């Protein structure tokens, strides 16, 4: 079964052809309305199905695009800076935030705020928690 079958696109094509054929044969507007209603419902269903598929697309892209080795290296460096109360933590985090967000999600916002507030001790604790709970795609701990 192909994707258009799964999404109902094949049915929509058939319904549209049936409606077009009926219109070409001169059927009245009243007799065409039920065909048009069915086609409208099918198009709405297709739109909803595409919406569901497309909203999941970023998750699929994220899992493909995240370089877990790079994430681990960044977290190692960040941990070292935080342990030393080094303001380089801010620069490293700012430069790495998009990758860290893609890898670890919204939890990264907390550590980012802590770093921006120069609360390196809490940021270090949050980093340890992220590492404890964060798994790479292959299941290895970060």
Protein backbone atom coordinates (compact mmCIF):
# COMPACT_ATOMS: atom_id res chain seq x y z
CA UNK A 1 0.00 0.00 0.00
CA UNK A 2 1.39 3.40 -0.93
CA UNK A 3 1.24 6.61 1.11
CA UNK A 4 -1.57 8.17 -0.94
CA UNK A 5 -3.70 5.10 -0.15
CA UNK A 6 -2.98 5.50 3.56
CA UNK A 7 -3.91 9.17 3.55
CA UNK A 8 -7.03 8.66 1.44
CA UNK A 9 -5.75 10.51 -1.61
CA UNK A 10 -6.76 7.66 -3.92
CA UNK A 11 -10.35 7.86 -2.66
CA UNK A 12 -10.33 11.61 -3.17
CA UNK A 13 -9.14 11.18 -6.74
CA UNK A 14 -11.92 8.67 -7.41
CA UNK A 15 -14.55 10.90 -5.79
CA UNK A 16 -13.38 13.92 -7.79
CA UNK A 17 -13.49 11.93 -11.04
CA UNK A 18 -17.00 10.71 -10.22
CA UNK A 19 -18.14 14.28 -9.47
CA UNK A 20 -16.54 15.60 -12.64
CA UNK A 21 -18.13 12.84 -14.73
CA UNK A 22 -21.56 13.56 -13.25
CA UNK A 23 -21.15 17.28 -13.90
CA UNK A 24 -20.10 16.66 -17.53
CA UNK A 25 -23.16 14.47 -18.01
CA UNK A 26 -25.32 17.43 -17.05
CA UNK A 27 -26.59 16.29 -13.66
CA UNK A 28 -28.35 19.02 -11.71
CA UNK A 29 -26.68 20.97 -8.91
CA UNK A 30 -28.97 19.23 -6.40
CA UNK A 31 -27.82 15.80 -7.52
CA UNK A 32 -24.16 16.88 -7.49
CA UNK A 33 -24.33 18.25 -3.93
CA UNK A 34 -24.07 14.85 -2.15
CA UNK A 35 -21.00 13.99 -4.24
CA UNK A 36 -19.48 17.37 -3.41
CA UNK A 37 -20.23 16.88 0.31
CA UNK A 38 -18.49 13.51 0.34
CA UNK A 39 -15.48 14.99 -1.47
CA UNK A 40 -15.34 17.90 0.99
CA UNK A 41 -15.31 15.52 3.97
CA UNK A 42 -12.59 13.43 2.37
CA UNK A 43 -10.47 16.52 1.69
CA UNK A 44 -10.87 17.59 5.33
CA UNK A 45 -9.77 14.14 6.47
CA UNK A 46 -6.75 14.29 4.17
CA UNK A 47 -5.83 17.72 5.49
CA UNK A 48 -6.04 16.45 9.08
CA UNK A 49 -3.94 13.37 8.24
CA UNK A 50 -1.29 15.52 6.56
CA UNK A 51 -1.30 17.85 9.54
CA UNK A 52 -0.61 14.92 11.88
CA UNK A 53 2.18 13.61 9.68
CA UNK A 54 3.79 17.01 9.25
CA UNK A 55 3.68 17.87 12.95
CA UNK A 56 5.64 14.70 13.64
CA UNK A 57 8.20 15.50 10.95
CA UNK A 58 10.40 17.71 13.16
CA UNK A 59 10.78 14.82 15.63
CA UNK A 60 11.94 12.57 12.84
CA UNK A 61 14.33 15.23 11.54
CA UNK A 62 15.64 15.85 15.05
CA UNK A 63 16.55 12.22 15.56
CA UNK A 64 18.35 12.14 12.22
CA UNK A 65 20.16 15.48 12.52
CA UNK A 66 21.42 15.36 16.11
CA UNK A 67 25.12 14.59 16.33
CA UNK A 68 25.15 12.81 19.70
CA UNK A 69 28.92 12.74 19.88
CA UNK A 70 29.00 16.52 19.49
CA UNK A 71 26.29 16.91 22.15
CA UNK A 72 28.31 14.81 24.58
CA UNK A 73 31.47 16.84 23.86
CA UNK A 74 29.61 20.11 24.42
CA UNK A 75 28.13 18.86 27.67
CA UNK A 76 31.61 17.77 28.85
CA UNK A 77 33.02 21.23 28.11
CA UNK A 78 30.03 22.94 29.68
CA UNK A 79 30.39 20.84 32.81
CA UNK A 80 34.07 21.77 33.07
CA UNK A 81 33.29 25.49 32.70
CA UNK A 82 30.45 25.33 35.24
CA UNK A 83 32.62 23.52 37.80
CA UNK A 84 35.16 26.35 37.49
CA UNK A 85 32.51 29.10 37.64
CA UNK A 86 33.85 30.16 34.25
CA UNK A 87 31.86 32.75 32.30
CA UNK A 88 32.86 30.85 29.15
CA UNK A 89 29.81 28.74 30.08
CA UNK A 90 27.62 31.54 28.77
CA UNK A 91 29.34 31.72 25.39
CA UNK A 92 29.44 27.95 24.94
CA UNK A 93 25.78 27.60 25.86
CA UNK A 94 24.70 30.43 23.56
CA UNK A 95 26.62 28.92 20.65
CA UNK A 96 25.35 25.40 21.33
CA UNK A 97 21.77 26.07 22.34
CA UNK A 98 20.11 25.04 19.02
CA UNK A 99 21.89 21.68 19.03
CA UNK A 100 21.22 21.12 22.73
CA UNK A 101 17.53 21.98 22.25
CA UNK A 102 17.27 19.54 19.37
CA UNK A 103 18.94 16.83 21.40
CA UNK A 104 17.48 17.35 24.85
CA UNK A 105 14.34 19.41 24.31
CA UNK A 106 12.81 22.02 26.56
CA UNK A 107 14.79 20.92 29.62
CA UNK A 108 17.66 22.89 28.12
CA UNK A 109 15.73 26.13 28.73
CA UNK A 110 16.19 25.73 32.49
CA UNK A 111 19.93 25.31 32.31
CA UNK A 112 20.12 28.19 29.84
CA UNK A 113 18.33 30.53 32.24
CA UNK A 114 20.57 29.42 35.11
CA UNK A 115 23.67 30.10 33.03
CA UNK A 116 22.37 33.51 31.94
CA UNK A 117 21.74 34.29 35.64
CA UNK A 118 25.35 33.19 36.40
CA UNK A 119 23.93 30.56 38.75
CA UNK A 120 26.57 28.05 37.74
CA UNK A 121 26.05 25.78 40.75
CA UNK A 122 22.37 25.19 39.90
CA UNK A 123 23.24 24.94 36.21
CA UNK A 124 25.76 22.23 37.05
CA UNK A 125 23.14 20.33 39.06
CA UNK A 126 20.67 20.65 36.20
CA UNK A 127 23.32 19.44 33.75
CA UNK A 128 23.94 16.39 35.92
CA UNK A 129 20.21 15.71 35.99
CA UNK A 130 20.00 16.09 32.19
CA UNK A 131 22.87 13.68 31.74
CA UNK A 132 21.33 11.22 34.17
CA UNK A 133 17.97 11.31 32.38
CA UNK A 134 19.13 12.05 28.82
CA UNK A 135 19.66 9.19 26.46
CA UNK A 136 21.10 9.32 23.01
CA UNK A 137 19.25 7.73 20.18
CA UNK A 138 21.36 4.61 20.53
CA UNK A 139 20.46 4.34 24.20
CA UNK A 140 23.84 5.35 25.57
CA UNK A 141 23.91 7.87 28.37
CA UNK A 142 25.12 11.35 27.64
